Structure formats: C-alpha cells, structure tokens
Amino acid sequence: MDEPGFQSFTLFAALAGGMALIYAPLRLFLTATERSRRLRLLQRIRRLRDELNQPLER
C-alpha cells in the first residue's frame, strides 16, 4: 500500500468525491433558481401582454 500509484489513485478518488459532493448540490440549486427566475419572467410577460390587450378606459 506504499506504492505511488495507489497513493495517486486514492488522491484522485478523494478529489473526485469531493468535487461530486460540491458540484451536484450546487448544480441542482442553480438549475432550480434559474427555472424560477425564468417562470417569473414569463408570468410578467403574460401580465403585460394581458394589460396591453385590454382597451383603454377614458
């Protein structure tokens, strides 16, 4: 177990595991916030379109 190949493999495996533990939740969070931002923008566009379709009141 003192081989350099085993140590480098262990190091790379640990780094990959650490990156996965950080990347996966971060990616999910960023995807969720982007979707909610896009949904709010679409709702705002729909509201504005509805307001523009209504006749003017005098």
PDB file of N, CA and C in Angstrom:
ATOM      1  N   MET A   1       0.820  -1.200   0.000  1.00  0.00           N
ATOM      2  CA  MET A   1       0.000   0.000   0.000  1.00  0.00           C
ATOM      3  C   MET A   1       0.856   1.252   0.000  1.00  0.00           C
ATOM      4  N   ASP A   2       2.141   1.096  -0.106  1.00  0.00           N
ATOM      5  CA  ASP A   2       3.032   2.239  -0.146  1.00  0.00           C
ATOM      6  C   ASP A   2       3.421   2.602  -1.566  1.00  0.00           C
ATOM      7  N   GLU A   3       2.721   2.050  -2.518  1.00  0.00           N
ATOM      8  CA  GLU A   3       3.054   2.316  -3.911  1.00  0.00           C
ATOM      9  C   GLU A   3       2.591   3.706  -4.318  1.00  0.00           C
ATOM     10  N   PRO A   4       3.369   4.401  -5.129  1.00  0.00           N
ATOM     11  CA  PRO A   4       2.956   5.737  -5.592  1.00  0.00           C
ATOM     12  C   PRO A   4       1.687   5.696  -6.431  1.00  0.00           C
ATOM     13  N   GLY A   5       1.487   4.624  -7.182  1.00  0.00           N
ATOM     14  CA  GLY A   5       0.277   4.511  -7.994  1.00  0.00           C
ATOM     15  C   GLY A   5      -0.974   4.444  -7.140  1.00  0.00           C
ATOM     16  N   PHE A   6      -0.906   3.712  -6.048  1.00  0.00           N
ATOM     17  CA  PHE A   6      -2.063   3.591  -5.153  1.00  0.00           C
ATOM     18  C   PHE A   6      -2.341   4.913  -4.456  1.00  0.00           C
ATOM     19  N   GLN A   7      -1.304   5.617  -4.052  1.00  0.00           N
ATOM     20  CA  GLN A   7      -1.481   6.913  -3.391  1.00  0.00           C
ATOM     21  C   GLN A   7      -2.091   7.942  -4.339  1.00  0.00           C
ATOM     22  N   SER A   8      -1.614   7.958  -5.578  1.00  0.00           N
ATOM     23  CA  SER A   8      -2.185   8.919  -6.522  1.00  0.00           C
ATOM     24  C   SER A   8      -3.629   8.559  -6.866  1.00  0.00           C
ATOM     25  N   PHE A   9      -3.917   7.265  -6.966  1.00  0.00           N
ATOM     26  CA  PHE A   9      -5.301   6.848  -7.220  1.00  0.00           C
ATOM     27  C   PHE A   9      -6.197   7.275  -6.070  1.00  0.00           C
ATOM     28  N   THR A  10      -5.737   7.069  -4.852  1.00  0.00           N
ATOM     29  CA  THR A  10      -6.522   7.456  -3.674  1.00  0.00           C
ATOM     30  C   THR A  10      -6.742   8.967  -3.648  1.00  0.00           C
ATOM     31  N   LEU A  11      -5.694   9.719  -3.977  1.00  0.00           N
ATOM     32  CA  LEU A  11      -5.819  11.176  -4.007  1.00  0.00           C
ATOM     33  C   LEU A  11      -6.835  11.616  -5.056  1.00  0.00           C
ATOM     34  N   PHE A  12      -6.732  11.069  -6.271  1.00  0.00           N
ATOM     35  CA  PHE A  12      -7.674  11.435  -7.331  1.00  0.00           C
ATOM     36  C   PHE A  12      -9.099  11.010  -6.992  1.00  0.00           C
ATOM     37  N   ALA A  13      -9.252   9.847  -6.382  1.00  0.00           N
ATOM     38  CA  ALA A  13     -10.587   9.385  -5.993  1.00  0.00           C
ATOM     39  C   ALA A  13     -11.182  10.301  -4.924  1.00  0.00           C
ATOM     40  N   ALA A  14     -10.359  10.728  -3.978  1.00  0.00           N
ATOM     41  CA  ALA A  14     -10.845  11.634  -2.935  1.00  0.00           C
ATOM     42  C   ALA A  14     -11.226  12.990  -3.533  1.00  0.00           C
ATOM     43  N   LEU A  15     -10.397  13.497  -4.443  1.00  0.00           N
ATOM     44  CA  LEU A  15     -10.723  14.766  -5.093  1.00  0.00           C
ATOM     45  C   LEU A  15     -12.002  14.666  -5.919  1.00  0.00           C
ATOM     46  N   ALA A  16     -12.161  13.560  -6.628  1.00  0.00           N
ATOM     47  CA  ALA A  16     -13.374  13.368  -7.427  1.00  0.00           C
ATOM     48  C   ALA A  16     -14.604  13.285  -6.528  1.00  0.00           C
ATOM     49  N   GLY A  17     -14.480  12.588  -5.421  1.00  0.00           N
ATOM     50  CA  GLY A  17     -15.597  12.504  -4.477  1.00  0.00           C
ATOM     51  C   GLY A  17     -15.942  13.859  -3.896  1.00  0.00           C
ATOM     52  N   GLY A  18     -14.915  14.621  -3.538  1.00  0.00           N
ATOM     53  CA  GLY A  18     -15.162  15.965  -3.007  1.00  0.00           C
ATOM     54  C   GLY A  18     -15.810  16.874  -4.027  1.00  0.00           C
ATOM     55  N   MET A  19     -15.350  16.804  -5.266  1.00  0.00           N
ATOM     56  CA  MET A  19     -15.955  17.623  -6.318  1.00  0.00           C
ATOM     57  C   MET A  19     -17.410  17.228  -6.547  1.00  0.00           C
ATOM     58  N   ALA A  20     -17.688  15.930  -6.498  1.00  0.00           N
ATOM     59  CA  ALA A  20     -19.070  15.479  -6.702  1.00  0.00           C
ATOM     60  C   ALA A  20     -19.969  15.963  -5.570  1.00  0.00           C
ATOM     61  N   LEU A  21     -19.449  15.961  -4.349  1.00  0.00           N
ATOM     62  CA  LEU A  21     -20.251  16.413  -3.206  1.00  0.00           C
ATOM     63  C   LEU A  21     -20.534  17.917  -3.275  1.00  0.00           C
ATOM     64  N   ILE A  22     -19.648  18.659  -3.904  1.00  0.00           N
ATOM     65  CA  ILE A  22     -19.860  20.100  -4.034  1.00  0.00           C
ATOM     66  C   ILE A  22     -20.656  20.412  -5.299  1.00  0.00           C
ATOM     67  N   TYR A  23     -20.309  19.780  -6.407  1.00  0.00           N
ATOM     68  CA  TYR A  23     -20.895  20.132  -7.701  1.00  0.00           C
ATOM     69  C   TYR A  23     -22.370  19.752  -7.814  1.00  0.00           C
ATOM     70  N   ALA A  24     -22.716  18.562  -7.383  1.00  0.00           N
ATOM     71  CA  ALA A  24     -24.095  18.086  -7.577  1.00  0.00           C
ATOM     72  C   ALA A  24     -25.122  18.985  -6.874  1.00  0.00           C
ATOM     73  N   PRO A  25     -24.983  19.283  -5.580  1.00  0.00           N
ATOM     74  CA  PRO A  25     -25.971  20.180  -4.954  1.00  0.00           C
ATOM     75  C   PRO A  25     -25.944  21.591  -5.534  1.00  0.00           C
ATOM     76  N   LEU A  26     -24.748  22.077  -5.885  1.00  0.00           N
ATOM     77  CA  LEU A  26     -24.650  23.407  -6.465  1.00  0.00           C
ATOM     78  C   LEU A  26     -25.363  23.463  -7.810  1.00  0.00           C
ATOM     79  N   ARG A  27     -25.185  22.442  -8.632  1.00  0.00           N
ATOM     80  CA  ARG A  27     -25.845  22.386  -9.940  1.00  0.00           C
ATOM     81  C   ARG A  27     -27.359  22.328  -9.773  1.00  0.00           C
ATOM     82  N   LEU A  28     -27.841  21.529  -8.822  1.00  0.00           N
ATOM     83  CA  LEU A  28     -29.286  21.456  -8.581  1.00  0.00           C
ATOM     84  C   LEU A  28     -29.829  22.811  -8.129  1.00  0.00           C
ATOM     85  N   PHE A  29     -29.116  23.479  -7.234  1.00  0.00           N
ATOM     86  CA  PHE A  29     -29.556  24.784  -6.743  1.00  0.00           C
ATOM     87  C   PHE A  29     -29.610  25.801  -7.870  1.00  0.00           C
ATOM     88  N   LEU A  30     -28.554  25.857  -8.682  1.00  0.00           N
ATOM     89  CA  LEU A  30     -28.527  26.828  -9.774  1.00  0.00           C
ATOM     90  C   LEU A  30     -29.603  26.545 -10.816  1.00  0.00           C
ATOM     91  N   THR A  31     -29.874  25.285 -11.072  1.00  0.00           N
ATOM     92  CA  THR A  31     -30.934  24.929 -12.024  1.00  0.00           C
ATOM     93  C   THR A  31     -32.298  25.349 -11.485  1.00  0.00           C
ATOM     94  N   ALA A  32     -32.545  25.102 -10.199  1.00  0.00           N
ATOM     95  CA  ALA A  32     -33.837  25.464  -9.599  1.00  0.00           C
ATOM     96  C   ALA A  32     -34.038  26.971  -9.602  1.00  0.00           C
ATOM     97  N   THR A  33     -33.005  27.737  -9.257  1.00  0.00           N
ATOM     98  CA  THR A  33     -33.167  29.191  -9.234  1.00  0.00           C
ATOM     99  C   THR A  33     -33.341  29.752 -10.638  1.00  0.00           C
ATOM    100  N   GLU A  34     -32.664  29.176 -11.606  1.00  0.00           N
ATOM    101  CA  GLU A  34     -32.819  29.640 -12.989  1.00  0.00           C
ATOM    102  C   GLU A  34     -34.234  29.366 -13.496  1.00  0.00           C
ATOM    103  N   ARG A  35     -34.761  28.210 -13.164  1.00  0.00           N
ATOM    104  CA  ARG A  35     -36.135  27.896 -13.601  1.00  0.00           C
ATOM    105  C   ARG A  35     -37.143  28.825 -12.956  1.00  0.00           C
ATOM    106  N   SER A  36     -36.980  29.121 -11.667  1.00  0.00           N
ATOM    107  CA  SER A  36     -37.935  30.009 -11.010  1.00  0.00           C
ATOM    108  C   SER A  36     -37.815  31.430 -11.566  1.00  0.00           C
ATOM    109  N   ARG A  37     -36.587  31.852 -11.885  1.00  0.00           N
ATOM    110  CA  ARG A  37     -36.392  33.177 -12.479  1.00  0.00           C
ATOM    111  C   ARG A  37     -37.056  33.251 -13.847  1.00  0.00           C
ATOM    112  N   ARG A  38     -36.896  32.205 -14.635  1.00  0.00           N
ATOM    113  CA  ARG A  38     -37.498  32.157 -15.971  1.00  0.00           C
ATOM    114  C   ARG A  38     -39.022  32.140 -15.866  1.00  0.00           C
ATOM    115  N   LEU A  39     -39.563  31.386 -14.896  1.00  0.00           N
ATOM    116  CA  LEU A  39     -41.010  31.328 -14.706  1.00  0.00           C
ATOM    117  C   LEU A  39     -41.565  32.693 -14.325  1.00  0.00           C
ATOM    118  N   ARG A  40     -40.882  33.400 -13.414  1.00  0.00           N
ATOM    119  CA  ARG A  40     -41.340  34.737 -13.033  1.00  0.00           C
ATOM    120  C   ARG A  40     -41.319  35.695 -14.219  1.00  0.00           C
ATOM    121  N   LEU A  41     -40.281  35.592 -15.045  1.00  0.00           N
ATOM    122  CA  LEU A  41     -40.197  36.449 -16.227  1.00  0.00           C
ATOM    123  C   LEU A  41     -41.336  36.164 -17.200  1.00  0.00           C
ATOM    124  N   LEU A  42     -41.632  34.885 -17.426  1.00  0.00           N
ATOM    125  CA  LEU A  42     -42.742  34.533 -18.313  1.00  0.00           C
ATOM    126  C   LEU A  42     -44.081  35.022 -17.765  1.00  0.00           C
ATOM    127  N   GLN A  43     -44.278  34.920 -16.458  1.00  0.00           N
ATOM    128  CA  GLN A  43     -45.519  35.409 -15.857  1.00  0.00           C
ATOM    129  C   GLN A  43     -45.634  36.920 -16.018  1.00  0.00           C
ATOM    130  N   ARG A  44     -44.530  37.612 -15.865  1.00  0.00           N
ATOM    131  CA  ARG A  44     -44.539  39.064 -16.033  1.00  0.00           C
ATOM    132  C   ARG A  44     -44.868  39.445 -17.472  1.00  0.00           C
ATOM    133  N   ILE A  45     -44.304  38.716 -18.418  1.00  0.00           N
ATOM    134  CA  ILE A  45     -44.604  38.975 -19.829  1.00  0.00           C
ATOM    135  C   ILE A  45     -46.079  38.729 -20.119  1.00  0.00           C
ATOM    136  N   ARG A  46     -46.630  37.667 -19.573  1.00  0.00           N
ATOM    137  CA  ARG A  46     -48.060  37.379 -19.786  1.00  0.00           C
ATOM    138  C   ARG A  46     -48.940  38.480 -19.210  1.00  0.00           C
ATOM    139  N   ARG A  47     -48.588  38.960 -18.009  1.00  0.00           N
ATOM    140  CA  ARG A  47     -49.369  40.037 -17.394  1.00  0.00           C
ATOM    141  C   ARG A  47     -49.320  41.295 -18.254  1.00  0.00           C
ATOM    142  N   LEU A  48     -48.130  41.633 -18.718  1.00  0.00           N
ATOM    143  CA  LEU A  48     -48.001  42.822 -19.572  1.00  0.00           C
ATOM    144  C   LEU A  48     -48.781  42.663 -20.871  1.00  0.00           C
ATOM    145  N   ARG A  49     -48.747  41.488 -21.454  1.00  0.00           N
ATOM    146  CA  ARG A  49     -49.491  41.232 -22.687  1.00  0.00           C
ATOM    147  C   ARG A  49     -50.991  41.365 -22.437  1.00  0.00           C
ATOM    148  N   ASP A  50     -51.460  40.830 -21.296  1.00  0.00           N
ATOM    149  CA  ASP A  50     -52.883  40.961 -20.964  1.00  0.00           C
ATOM    150  C   ASP A  50     -53.271  42.426 -20.760  1.00  0.00           C
ATOM    151  N   GLU A  51     -52.399  43.180 -20.105  1.00  0.00           N
ATOM    152  CA  GLU A  51     -52.693  44.596 -19.893  1.00  0.00           C
ATOM    153  C   GLU A  51     -52.736  45.346 -21.222  1.00  0.00           C
ATOM    154  N   LEU A  52     -51.870  44.990 -22.142  1.00  0.00           N
ATOM    155  CA  LEU A  52     -51.859  45.690 -23.437  1.00  0.00           C
ATOM    156  C   LEU A  52     -53.075  45.314 -24.291  1.00  0.00           C
ATOM    157  N   ASN A  53     -53.643  44.141 -24.080  1.00  0.00           N
ATOM    158  CA  ASN A  53     -54.815  43.728 -24.849  1.00  0.00           C
ATOM    159  C   ASN A  53     -56.107  44.341 -24.341  1.00  0.00           C
ATOM    160  N   GLN A  54     -56.075  44.872 -23.125  1.00  0.00           N
ATOM    161  CA  GLN A  54     -57.292  45.480 -22.578  1.00  0.00           C
ATOM    162  C   GLN A  54     -57.482  46.867 -23.190  1.00  0.00           C
ATOM    163  N   PRO A  55     -58.736  47.224 -23.476  1.00  0.00           N
ATOM    164  CA  PRO A  55     -58.989  48.571 -24.051  1.00  0.00           C
ATOM    165  C   PRO A  55     -58.710  49.657 -23.013  1.00  0.00           C
ATOM    166  N   LEU A  56     -58.345  50.816 -23.504  1.00  0.00           N
ATOM    167  CA  LEU A  56     -58.081  51.959 -22.611  1.00  0.00           C
ATOM    168  C   LEU A  56     -59.370  52.476 -22.026  1.00  0.00           C
ATOM    169  N   GLU A  57     -59.326  52.879 -20.757  1.00  0.00           N
ATOM    170  CA  GLU A  57     -60.502  53.467 -20.102  1.00  0.00           C
ATOM    171  C   GLU A  57     -60.368  54.972 -20.142  1.00  0.00           C
ATOM    172  N   ARG A  58     -61.477  55.658 -20.476  1.00  0.00           N
ATOM    173  CA  ARG A  58     -61.454  57.125 -20.530  1.00  0.00           C
ATOM    174  C   ARG A  58     -62.274  57.712 -19.451  1.00  0.00           C
TER     175      ARG A  58
END
